Amino acid sequence: MTNKKRIGLNVPTALYMGLKQEANASGQTLNGLIVQILWEWKKRNQSE
C-alpha cells in the first residue's frame, strides 16, 4: 500500500519545458522537482 495520491496538472507548454529543463539540470525527475517545490511552498506558508 502506498501513501501517495495521484494528481493531474495541466500547465502551459512554456512552464512545462522550463520545469523539465530545471529538473534535468538538477538530476531530478519532473515529478520529483514538482513535489520538492510543493513541499517548500507548504513549509513557507504553514506558519502564516
N, C-alpha and C. Protein backbone atom coordinates (compact mmCIF):
# COMPACT_ATOMS: atom_id res chain seq x y z
N MET A 1 0.84 -1.19 0.00
CA MET A 1 0.00 0.00 0.00
C MET A 1 0.88 1.24 0.00
N THR A 2 0.52 2.22 -0.80
CA THR A 2 1.32 3.43 -0.91
C THR A 2 0.66 4.58 -0.16
N ASN A 3 1.46 5.50 0.25
CA ASN A 3 0.99 6.66 0.99
C ASN A 3 1.01 7.89 0.07
N LYS A 4 0.62 7.70 -1.18
CA LYS A 4 0.66 8.78 -2.16
C LYS A 4 -0.67 8.88 -2.87
N LYS A 5 -0.95 10.05 -3.40
CA LYS A 5 -2.14 10.30 -4.22
C LYS A 5 -1.69 10.86 -5.55
N ARG A 6 -2.34 10.43 -6.59
CA ARG A 6 -2.03 10.91 -7.93
C ARG A 6 -2.86 12.16 -8.22
N ILE A 7 -2.22 13.18 -8.78
CA ILE A 7 -2.94 14.37 -9.21
C ILE A 7 -2.54 14.66 -10.65
N GLY A 8 -3.42 15.26 -11.38
CA GLY A 8 -3.11 15.66 -12.76
C GLY A 8 -2.99 17.16 -12.84
N LEU A 9 -2.01 17.62 -13.57
CA LEU A 9 -1.82 19.05 -13.74
C LEU A 9 -1.80 19.37 -15.23
N ASN A 10 -2.50 20.40 -15.60
CA ASN A 10 -2.42 20.93 -16.96
C ASN A 10 -1.70 22.27 -16.85
N VAL A 11 -0.53 22.35 -17.45
CA VAL A 11 0.27 23.58 -17.37
C VAL A 11 0.60 24.05 -18.78
N PRO A 12 0.85 25.35 -18.93
CA PRO A 12 1.26 25.85 -20.23
C PRO A 12 2.56 25.18 -20.69
N THR A 13 2.70 25.01 -21.98
CA THR A 13 3.86 24.34 -22.54
C THR A 13 5.17 25.01 -22.11
N ALA A 14 5.19 26.33 -22.09
CA ALA A 14 6.42 27.04 -21.70
C ALA A 14 6.81 26.71 -20.27
N LEU A 15 5.84 26.63 -19.36
CA LEU A 15 6.12 26.28 -17.98
C LEU A 15 6.62 24.84 -17.89
N TYR A 16 5.96 23.94 -18.59
CA TYR A 16 6.38 22.53 -18.62
C TYR A 16 7.82 22.41 -19.08
N MET A 17 8.15 23.07 -20.18
CA MET A 17 9.51 22.97 -20.72
C MET A 17 10.54 23.54 -19.74
N GLY A 18 10.22 24.66 -19.10
CA GLY A 18 11.13 25.26 -18.13
C GLY A 18 11.34 24.35 -16.93
N LEU A 19 10.26 23.75 -16.42
CA LEU A 19 10.38 22.84 -15.28
C LEU A 19 11.16 21.59 -15.67
N LYS A 20 10.89 21.07 -16.87
CA LYS A 20 11.58 19.87 -17.34
C LYS A 20 13.08 20.13 -17.48
N GLN A 21 13.46 21.27 -18.01
CA GLN A 21 14.87 21.63 -18.14
C GLN A 21 15.53 21.77 -16.77
N GLU A 22 14.84 22.40 -15.84
CA GLU A 22 15.38 22.57 -14.48
C GLU A 22 15.55 21.21 -13.80
N ALA A 23 14.57 20.34 -13.97
CA ALA A 23 14.66 19.00 -13.38
C ALA A 23 15.86 18.25 -13.95
N ASN A 24 16.01 18.28 -15.25
CA ASN A 24 17.14 17.60 -15.89
C ASN A 24 18.48 18.17 -15.41
N ALA A 25 18.56 19.48 -15.31
CA ALA A 25 19.80 20.13 -14.89
C ALA A 25 20.17 19.77 -13.46
N SER A 26 19.17 19.53 -12.61
CA SER A 26 19.46 19.20 -11.21
C SER A 26 19.46 17.70 -10.96
N GLY A 27 19.30 16.90 -12.01
CA GLY A 27 19.36 15.45 -11.86
C GLY A 27 18.12 14.84 -11.24
N GLN A 28 16.99 15.52 -11.39
CA GLN A 28 15.73 15.05 -10.82
C GLN A 28 14.75 14.69 -11.93
N THR A 29 13.71 13.98 -11.55
CA THR A 29 12.59 13.82 -12.46
C THR A 29 11.72 15.06 -12.37
N LEU A 30 10.86 15.24 -13.35
CA LEU A 30 9.92 16.36 -13.31
C LEU A 30 9.01 16.23 -12.10
N ASN A 31 8.53 15.02 -11.85
CA ASN A 31 7.66 14.79 -10.69
C ASN A 31 8.40 15.13 -9.39
N GLY A 32 9.65 14.70 -9.28
CA GLY A 32 10.43 14.98 -8.07
C GLY A 32 10.61 16.47 -7.84
N LEU A 33 10.86 17.21 -8.92
CA LEU A 33 11.02 18.66 -8.79
C LEU A 33 9.72 19.32 -8.35
N ILE A 34 8.60 18.91 -8.92
CA ILE A 34 7.32 19.49 -8.55
C ILE A 34 6.99 19.18 -7.10
N VAL A 35 7.24 17.95 -6.65
CA VAL A 35 7.00 17.60 -5.24
C VAL A 35 7.88 18.45 -4.33
N GLN A 36 9.15 18.64 -4.70
CA GLN A 36 10.05 19.48 -3.91
C GLN A 36 9.53 20.91 -3.82
N ILE A 37 9.08 21.46 -4.94
CA ILE A 37 8.54 22.82 -4.96
C ILE A 37 7.32 22.92 -4.05
N LEU A 38 6.45 21.93 -4.11
CA LEU A 38 5.24 21.96 -3.28
C LEU A 38 5.56 21.84 -1.79
N TRP A 39 6.53 20.97 -1.43
CA TRP A 39 6.93 20.86 -0.01
C TRP A 39 7.50 22.19 0.48
N GLU A 40 8.35 22.84 -0.32
CA GLU A 40 8.94 24.11 0.09
C GLU A 40 7.86 25.18 0.25
N TRP A 41 6.87 25.19 -0.66
CA TRP A 41 5.77 26.14 -0.55
C TRP A 41 4.98 25.89 0.73
N LYS A 42 4.69 24.61 1.02
CA LYS A 42 3.94 24.27 2.23
C LYS A 42 4.68 24.70 3.49
N LYS A 43 5.97 24.45 3.55
CA LYS A 43 6.77 24.84 4.73
C LYS A 43 6.75 26.35 4.92
N ARG A 44 6.88 27.11 3.82
CA ARG A 44 6.88 28.57 3.91
C ARG A 44 5.53 29.12 4.35
N ASN A 45 4.46 28.48 3.95
CA ASN A 45 3.12 29.04 4.15
C ASN A 45 2.35 28.46 5.33
N GLN A 46 2.83 27.40 5.95
CA GLN A 46 2.06 26.81 7.04
C GLN A 46 2.10 27.63 8.31
N SER A 47 3.13 28.44 8.53
CA SER A 47 3.23 29.20 9.76
C SER A 47 2.58 30.57 9.65
N GLU A 48 2.08 30.93 8.48
CA GLU A 48 1.45 32.25 8.30
C GLU A 48 0.03 32.25 8.77
